[in-house]
Amino acid sequence: MFLHIGGEVAIPMKNIIAIMDIDTTTLSKDTKEFLRTAEEEGFVESICNDLPKSFIITEMNKRSKIYLSPISSLTLQKRSGYIKNFDNIR
């Protein structure tokens, strides 16, 4: 199964490590430093022209990649089916 994360980009669900809200997570100094370092090392790909709403951490073939997405983390999590599956646990 694939997850469409914006633009023309869809990534395999099995490669997703985390889907993060950019506004709340970048309040942390450590997260800002993590993203800055990842960008400097070429691991970040922006798939939007506007300000991103979320970032998705992935790993494929033992290589990490971070996508900056115009779609909110909540919408991406709903698309992934995670929230639906989580609700069934109750």
N, C-alpha and C. Protein backbone atom coordinates (compact mmCIF):
# COMPACT_ATOMS: atom_id res chain seq x y z
N MET A 1 0.84 -1.17 0.00
CA MET A 1 0.00 0.00 0.00
C MET A 1 0.89 1.25 0.00
N PHE A 2 0.44 2.26 -0.70
CA PHE A 2 1.17 3.52 -0.81
C PHE A 2 0.40 4.65 -0.13
N LEU A 3 1.13 5.66 0.30
CA LEU A 3 0.52 6.85 0.89
C LEU A 3 0.88 8.05 0.03
N HIS A 4 -0.14 8.74 -0.49
CA HIS A 4 0.07 9.96 -1.27
C HIS A 4 0.34 11.10 -0.28
N ILE A 5 1.52 11.73 -0.40
CA ILE A 5 1.91 12.76 0.58
C ILE A 5 1.93 14.16 0.00
N GLY A 6 1.42 14.32 -1.22
CA GLY A 6 1.35 15.63 -1.85
C GLY A 6 2.05 15.64 -3.18
N GLY A 7 1.68 16.63 -3.99
CA GLY A 7 2.27 16.72 -5.33
C GLY A 7 2.03 15.44 -6.08
N GLU A 8 3.07 14.93 -6.66
CA GLU A 8 2.99 13.66 -7.39
C GLU A 8 3.76 12.57 -6.66
N VAL A 9 3.84 12.68 -5.34
CA VAL A 9 4.66 11.75 -4.56
C VAL A 9 3.78 10.81 -3.74
N ALA A 10 4.03 9.53 -3.91
CA ALA A 10 3.41 8.48 -3.11
C ALA A 10 4.53 7.56 -2.65
N ILE A 11 4.51 7.20 -1.38
CA ILE A 11 5.58 6.37 -0.85
C ILE A 11 4.98 5.10 -0.23
N PRO A 12 5.72 4.00 -0.28
CA PRO A 12 5.22 2.76 0.32
C PRO A 12 5.04 2.93 1.83
N MET A 13 3.92 2.44 2.34
CA MET A 13 3.63 2.55 3.77
C MET A 13 4.71 1.87 4.61
N LYS A 14 5.27 0.77 4.11
CA LYS A 14 6.27 0.03 4.89
C LYS A 14 7.55 0.83 5.10
N ASN A 15 7.77 1.89 4.31
CA ASN A 15 8.98 2.71 4.43
C ASN A 15 8.82 3.89 5.39
N ILE A 16 7.60 4.13 5.87
CA ILE A 16 7.35 5.29 6.73
C ILE A 16 7.74 4.97 8.17
N ILE A 17 8.58 5.84 8.72
CA ILE A 17 8.99 5.72 10.12
C ILE A 17 8.12 6.62 10.99
N ALA A 18 7.87 7.85 10.53
CA ALA A 18 7.08 8.80 11.32
C ALA A 18 6.44 9.85 10.43
N ILE A 19 5.27 10.31 10.85
CA ILE A 19 4.58 11.44 10.23
C ILE A 19 4.44 12.49 11.32
N MET A 20 5.04 13.65 11.10
CA MET A 20 5.12 14.67 12.16
C MET A 20 4.49 15.99 11.72
N ASP A 21 3.81 16.64 12.65
CA ASP A 21 3.28 17.98 12.41
C ASP A 21 4.43 18.97 12.53
N ILE A 22 4.63 19.76 11.52
CA ILE A 22 5.80 20.65 11.50
C ILE A 22 5.68 21.80 12.50
N ASP A 23 4.46 22.30 12.73
CA ASP A 23 4.29 23.42 13.65
C ASP A 23 4.57 23.04 15.10
N THR A 24 4.06 21.91 15.54
CA THR A 24 4.23 21.55 16.94
C THR A 24 5.59 20.93 17.23
N THR A 25 6.13 20.17 16.29
CA THR A 25 7.41 19.50 16.57
C THR A 25 8.60 20.44 16.44
N THR A 26 8.49 21.47 15.63
CA THR A 26 9.63 22.37 15.47
C THR A 26 9.71 23.41 16.58
N LEU A 27 8.84 23.31 17.56
CA LEU A 27 8.99 24.14 18.76
C LEU A 27 10.21 23.68 19.56
N SER A 28 10.57 22.43 19.39
CA SER A 28 11.71 21.86 20.08
C SER A 28 13.01 22.24 19.36
N LYS A 29 13.98 22.66 20.14
CA LYS A 29 15.29 23.00 19.61
C LYS A 29 15.95 21.78 18.96
N ASP A 30 15.76 20.62 19.56
CA ASP A 30 16.36 19.39 19.03
C ASP A 30 15.79 19.03 17.66
N THR A 31 14.48 19.18 17.50
CA THR A 31 13.85 18.87 16.21
C THR A 31 14.32 19.84 15.14
N LYS A 32 14.42 21.12 15.48
CA LYS A 32 14.93 22.10 14.52
C LYS A 32 16.33 21.73 14.07
N GLU A 33 17.17 21.34 15.02
CA GLU A 33 18.55 20.97 14.71
C GLU A 33 18.58 19.69 13.86
N PHE A 34 17.72 18.74 14.18
CA PHE A 34 17.63 17.50 13.39
C PHE A 34 17.28 17.81 11.94
N LEU A 35 16.27 18.63 11.71
CA LEU A 35 15.85 18.97 10.35
C LEU A 35 16.92 19.79 9.63
N ARG A 36 17.57 20.70 10.34
CA ARG A 36 18.63 21.51 9.73
C ARG A 36 19.79 20.62 9.28
N THR A 37 20.20 19.72 10.14
CA THR A 37 21.30 18.81 9.81
C THR A 37 20.92 17.90 8.64
N ALA A 38 19.70 17.36 8.67
CA ALA A 38 19.23 16.49 7.59
C ALA A 38 19.22 17.24 6.26
N GLU A 39 18.81 18.51 6.29
CA GLU A 39 18.78 19.30 5.06
C GLU A 39 20.19 19.56 4.55
N GLU A 40 21.12 19.90 5.45
CA GLU A 40 22.50 20.14 5.05
C GLU A 40 23.13 18.90 4.43
N GLU A 41 22.74 17.72 4.91
CA GLU A 41 23.32 16.48 4.42
C GLU A 41 22.56 15.91 3.21
N GLY A 42 21.52 16.62 2.76
CA GLY A 42 20.81 16.22 1.54
C GLY A 42 19.74 15.17 1.72
N PHE A 43 19.23 15.00 2.94
CA PHE A 43 18.20 14.00 3.20
C PHE A 43 16.78 14.55 3.10
N VAL A 44 16.63 15.86 2.88
CA VAL A 44 15.31 16.48 2.89
C VAL A 44 14.88 16.81 1.46
N GLU A 45 13.62 16.47 1.16
CA GLU A 45 13.04 16.81 -0.14
C GLU A 45 11.71 17.52 0.11
N SER A 46 11.61 18.73 -0.38
CA SER A 46 10.36 19.48 -0.26
C SER A 46 9.49 19.18 -1.46
N ILE A 47 8.24 18.82 -1.21
CA ILE A 47 7.33 18.53 -2.32
C ILE A 47 6.23 19.59 -2.41
N CYS A 48 6.51 20.77 -1.83
CA CYS A 48 5.53 21.85 -1.90
C CYS A 48 6.25 23.18 -2.09
N ASN A 49 5.55 24.11 -2.72
CA ASN A 49 6.10 25.45 -2.92
C ASN A 49 5.76 26.36 -1.75
N ASP A 50 4.70 26.04 -1.03
CA ASP A 50 4.28 26.82 0.14
C ASP A 50 4.99 26.30 1.38
N LEU A 51 4.63 26.86 2.52
CA LEU A 51 5.16 26.36 3.77
C LEU A 51 4.63 24.96 4.03
N PRO A 52 5.50 24.03 4.42
CA PRO A 52 5.03 22.67 4.67
C PRO A 52 4.21 22.60 5.97
N LYS A 53 3.28 21.64 6.00
CA LYS A 53 2.47 21.42 7.20
C LYS A 53 2.96 20.20 7.98
N SER A 54 3.68 19.32 7.31
CA SER A 54 4.16 18.12 7.99
C SER A 54 5.46 17.66 7.35
N PHE A 55 6.13 16.75 8.07
CA PHE A 55 7.28 16.08 7.47
C PHE A 55 7.17 14.60 7.75
N ILE A 56 7.63 13.82 6.78
CA ILE A 56 7.52 12.37 6.84
C ILE A 56 8.93 11.81 6.80
N ILE A 57 9.28 11.04 7.81
CA ILE A 57 10.59 10.40 7.87
C ILE A 57 10.44 8.99 7.30
N THR A 58 11.27 8.67 6.31
CA THR A 58 11.19 7.38 5.66
C THR A 58 12.57 6.72 5.60
N GLU A 59 12.55 5.43 5.35
CA GLU A 59 13.79 4.69 5.11
C GLU A 59 13.54 3.69 4.00
N MET A 60 14.43 3.71 3.01
CA MET A 60 14.33 2.77 1.89
C MET A 60 15.74 2.34 1.52
N ASN A 61 15.95 1.05 1.42
CA ASN A 61 17.27 0.52 1.10
C ASN A 61 18.35 1.04 2.05
N LYS A 62 18.01 1.10 3.33
CA LYS A 62 18.92 1.54 4.39
C LYS A 62 19.36 2.99 4.23
N ARG A 63 18.55 3.81 3.53
CA ARG A 63 18.82 5.24 3.37
C ARG A 63 17.61 6.01 3.87
N SER A 64 17.86 6.99 4.71
CA SER A 64 16.79 7.82 5.25
C SER A 64 16.49 8.99 4.32
N LYS A 65 15.23 9.39 4.32
CA LYS A 65 14.81 10.55 3.54
C LYS A 65 13.65 11.20 4.28
N ILE A 66 13.65 12.53 4.28
CA ILE A 66 12.59 13.29 4.92
C ILE A 66 11.88 14.11 3.86
N TYR A 67 10.56 13.96 3.79
CA TYR A 67 9.75 14.71 2.85
C TYR A 67 9.01 15.81 3.59
N LEU A 68 9.04 17.03 3.05
CA LEU A 68 8.26 18.14 3.58
C LEU A 68 6.98 18.20 2.75
N SER A 69 5.83 18.05 3.41
CA SER A 69 4.56 17.91 2.71
C SER A 69 3.61 19.06 3.00
N PRO A 70 2.80 19.45 1.99
CA PRO A 70 1.79 20.49 2.19
C PRO A 70 0.53 19.95 2.87
N ILE A 71 0.49 18.65 3.13
CA ILE A 71 -0.69 18.02 3.73
C ILE A 71 -0.46 17.86 5.22
N SER A 72 -1.49 18.13 6.02
CA SER A 72 -1.35 18.05 7.48
C SER A 72 -1.05 16.62 7.92
N SER A 73 -0.38 16.51 9.05
CA SER A 73 -0.04 15.20 9.59
C SER A 73 -1.30 14.40 9.93
N LEU A 74 -2.34 15.06 10.41
CA LEU A 74 -3.59 14.37 10.74
C LEU A 74 -4.23 13.77 9.49
N THR A 75 -4.25 14.52 8.40
CA THR A 75 -4.80 14.01 7.14
C THR A 75 -3.97 12.83 6.63
N LEU A 76 -2.66 12.93 6.71
CA LEU A 76 -1.80 11.83 6.27
C LEU A 76 -2.02 10.59 7.13
N GLN A 77 -2.17 10.79 8.43
CA GLN A 77 -2.40 9.65 9.31
C GLN A 77 -3.76 9.01 9.02
N LYS A 78 -4.76 9.81 8.71
CA LYS A 78 -6.07 9.26 8.34
C LYS A 78 -5.97 8.48 7.04
N ARG A 79 -5.24 9.02 6.07
CA ARG A 79 -5.06 8.34 4.79
C ARG A 79 -4.35 7.00 4.98
N SER A 80 -3.43 6.96 5.93
CA SER A 80 -2.67 5.73 6.15
C SER A 80 -3.51 4.64 6.79
N GLY A 81 -4.64 5.01 7.37
CA GLY A 81 -5.49 4.04 8.05
C GLY A 81 -5.10 3.83 9.49
N TYR A 82 -4.05 4.50 9.95
CA TYR A 82 -3.58 4.32 11.32
C TYR A 82 -4.65 4.75 12.32
N ILE A 83 -5.24 5.88 12.13
CA ILE A 83 -6.23 6.39 13.08
C ILE A 83 -7.46 5.49 13.09
N LYS A 84 -7.91 5.04 11.94
CA LYS A 84 -9.05 4.14 11.87
C LYS A 84 -8.75 2.85 12.63
N ASN A 85 -7.58 2.28 12.42
CA ASN A 85 -7.19 1.06 13.11
C ASN A 85 -7.03 1.29 14.60
N PHE A 86 -6.55 2.46 14.98
CA PHE A 86 -6.35 2.79 16.38
C PHE A 86 -7.70 2.88 17.10
N ASP A 87 -8.69 3.46 16.43
CA ASP A 87 -10.01 3.60 17.02
C ASP A 87 -10.65 2.25 17.30
N ASN A 88 -10.34 1.25 16.52
CA ASN A 88 -10.92 -0.09 16.71
C ASN A 88 -10.38 -0.81 17.94
N ILE A 89 -9.29 -0.33 18.49
CA ILE A 89 -8.66 -0.97 19.64
C ILE A 89 -9.49 -0.74 20.91
N ARG A 90 -10.16 0.36 21.01
CA ARG A 90 -10.92 0.71 22.22
C ARG A 90 -11.89 -0.30 22.60
